[in-house]
Amino acid sequence: MDDAAREAGRQALASLERALAQKPVRDGEVFSGATESLCRLRDGLTAEGDVDRRGTVNAVISAVLAGHFPLGQTPWPEVETAVAALRTVLVQA
């Protein structure tokens, strides 16, 4: 993964860790920033043809969007799982 994608992943991770630290309060700006960074990470993985990690990042994006626009209460356990998956993607870099 290139440096820009790796940095975007780190930014997303930092944003999501802030979101988790603030729960149960949901900060929409934190989720928005994380989504933007995750999309940059995904674009970098797509450019490299890294299908497996791209799939994981897509799943993380889905969980983050569910946290940003919940149909009920914020799904914090899913966000926590997404953060763990993102850490794994970044360690594999």
Protein backbone atom coordinates (compact mmCIF):
# COMPACT_ATOMS: atom_id res chain seq x y z
CA MET A 1 0.00 0.00 0.00
CA ASP A 2 1.37 3.42 -0.86
CA ASP A 3 2.18 6.04 1.75
CA ALA A 4 -0.91 8.17 1.01
CA ALA A 5 -3.25 5.21 1.46
CA ARG A 6 -1.46 4.13 4.64
CA GLU A 7 -1.75 7.66 6.07
CA ALA A 8 -5.45 7.78 5.16
CA GLY A 9 -5.90 4.50 7.04
CA ARG A 10 -4.13 5.90 10.09
CA GLN A 11 -6.31 9.01 9.98
CA ALA A 12 -9.44 6.87 9.79
CA LEU A 13 -8.27 4.76 12.71
CA ALA A 14 -7.56 7.85 14.82
CA SER A 15 -11.00 9.27 14.00
CA LEU A 16 -12.76 6.04 14.88
CA GLU A 17 -10.85 5.72 18.14
CA ARG A 18 -12.02 9.27 18.99
CA ALA A 19 -15.59 8.24 18.17
CA LEU A 20 -15.34 5.23 20.47
CA ALA A 21 -13.85 7.35 23.24
CA GLN A 22 -16.85 9.71 23.03
CA LYS A 23 -19.57 7.06 23.11
CA PRO A 24 -22.45 7.07 23.83
CA VAL A 25 -22.36 10.52 22.21
CA ARG A 26 -22.17 10.21 18.43
CA ASP A 27 -20.06 12.85 16.67
CA GLY A 28 -21.12 13.05 13.04
CA GLU A 29 -18.02 14.98 11.99
CA VAL A 30 -15.75 12.25 13.30
CA PHE A 31 -17.67 9.62 11.34
CA SER A 32 -17.60 11.80 8.20
CA GLY A 33 -13.85 12.27 8.44
CA ALA A 34 -13.31 8.56 9.01
CA THR A 35 -15.43 7.73 5.96
CA GLU A 36 -13.45 10.10 3.75
CA SER A 37 -10.15 8.63 4.93
CA LEU A 38 -11.41 5.07 4.51
CA CYS A 39 -12.44 5.83 0.93
CA ARG A 40 -8.92 7.13 0.18
CA LEU A 41 -7.49 3.96 1.71
CA ARG A 42 -9.84 1.83 -0.38
CA ASP A 43 -8.86 3.74 -3.53
CA GLY A 44 -5.19 3.00 -2.81
CA LEU A 45 -5.89 -0.69 -2.31
CA THR A 46 -7.96 -0.76 -5.51
CA ALA A 47 -5.10 0.81 -7.45
CA GLU A 48 -2.79 -1.93 -6.18
CA GLY A 49 -5.30 -4.68 -6.96
CA ASP A 50 -5.43 -5.77 -3.31
CA VAL A 51 -8.90 -7.33 -3.43
CA ASP A 52 -8.82 -8.97 0.00
CA ARG A 53 -7.92 -5.89 2.01
CA ARG A 54 -10.21 -3.74 -0.17
CA GLY A 55 -13.09 -6.04 0.79
CA THR A 56 -12.26 -5.65 4.46
CA VAL A 57 -12.11 -1.86 4.11
CA ASN A 58 -15.47 -1.89 2.33
CA ALA A 59 -16.93 -3.75 5.31
CA VAL A 60 -15.37 -1.18 7.67
CA ILE A 61 -16.91 1.63 5.60
CA SER A 62 -20.32 -0.05 5.89
CA ALA A 63 -20.03 -0.26 9.67
CA VAL A 64 -18.88 3.36 9.91
CA LEU A 65 -21.82 4.52 7.79
CA ALA A 66 -24.15 2.52 10.04
CA GLY A 67 -22.65 4.36 12.99
CA HIS A 68 -22.99 7.71 11.28
CA PHE A 69 -26.57 7.17 10.10
CA PRO A 70 -28.05 4.62 12.52
CA LEU A 71 -31.64 3.45 12.10
CA GLY A 72 -31.87 3.31 15.88
CA GLN A 73 -29.13 3.51 18.45
CA THR A 74 -25.55 3.78 17.30
CA PRO A 75 -24.22 0.24 16.71
CA TRP A 76 -21.11 0.66 18.87
CA PRO A 77 -20.19 -3.06 18.94
CA GLU A 78 -20.10 -3.08 15.13
CA VAL A 79 -17.96 0.06 15.11
CA GLU A 80 -15.56 -1.60 17.57
CA THR A 81 -15.35 -4.66 15.31
CA ALA A 82 -14.69 -2.39 12.34
CA VAL A 83 -11.85 -0.65 14.18
CA ALA A 84 -10.25 -4.03 14.93
CA ALA A 85 -10.56 -5.02 11.26
CA LEU A 86 -9.00 -1.73 10.17
CA ARG A 87 -6.08 -2.27 12.56
CA THR A 88 -5.51 -5.67 10.91
CA VAL A 89 -5.51 -4.11 7.44
CA LEU A 90 -2.96 -1.51 8.51
CA VAL A 91 -0.70 -4.11 10.18
CA GLN A 92 -0.67 -6.12 6.94
CA ALA A 93 0.56 -3.06 5.03
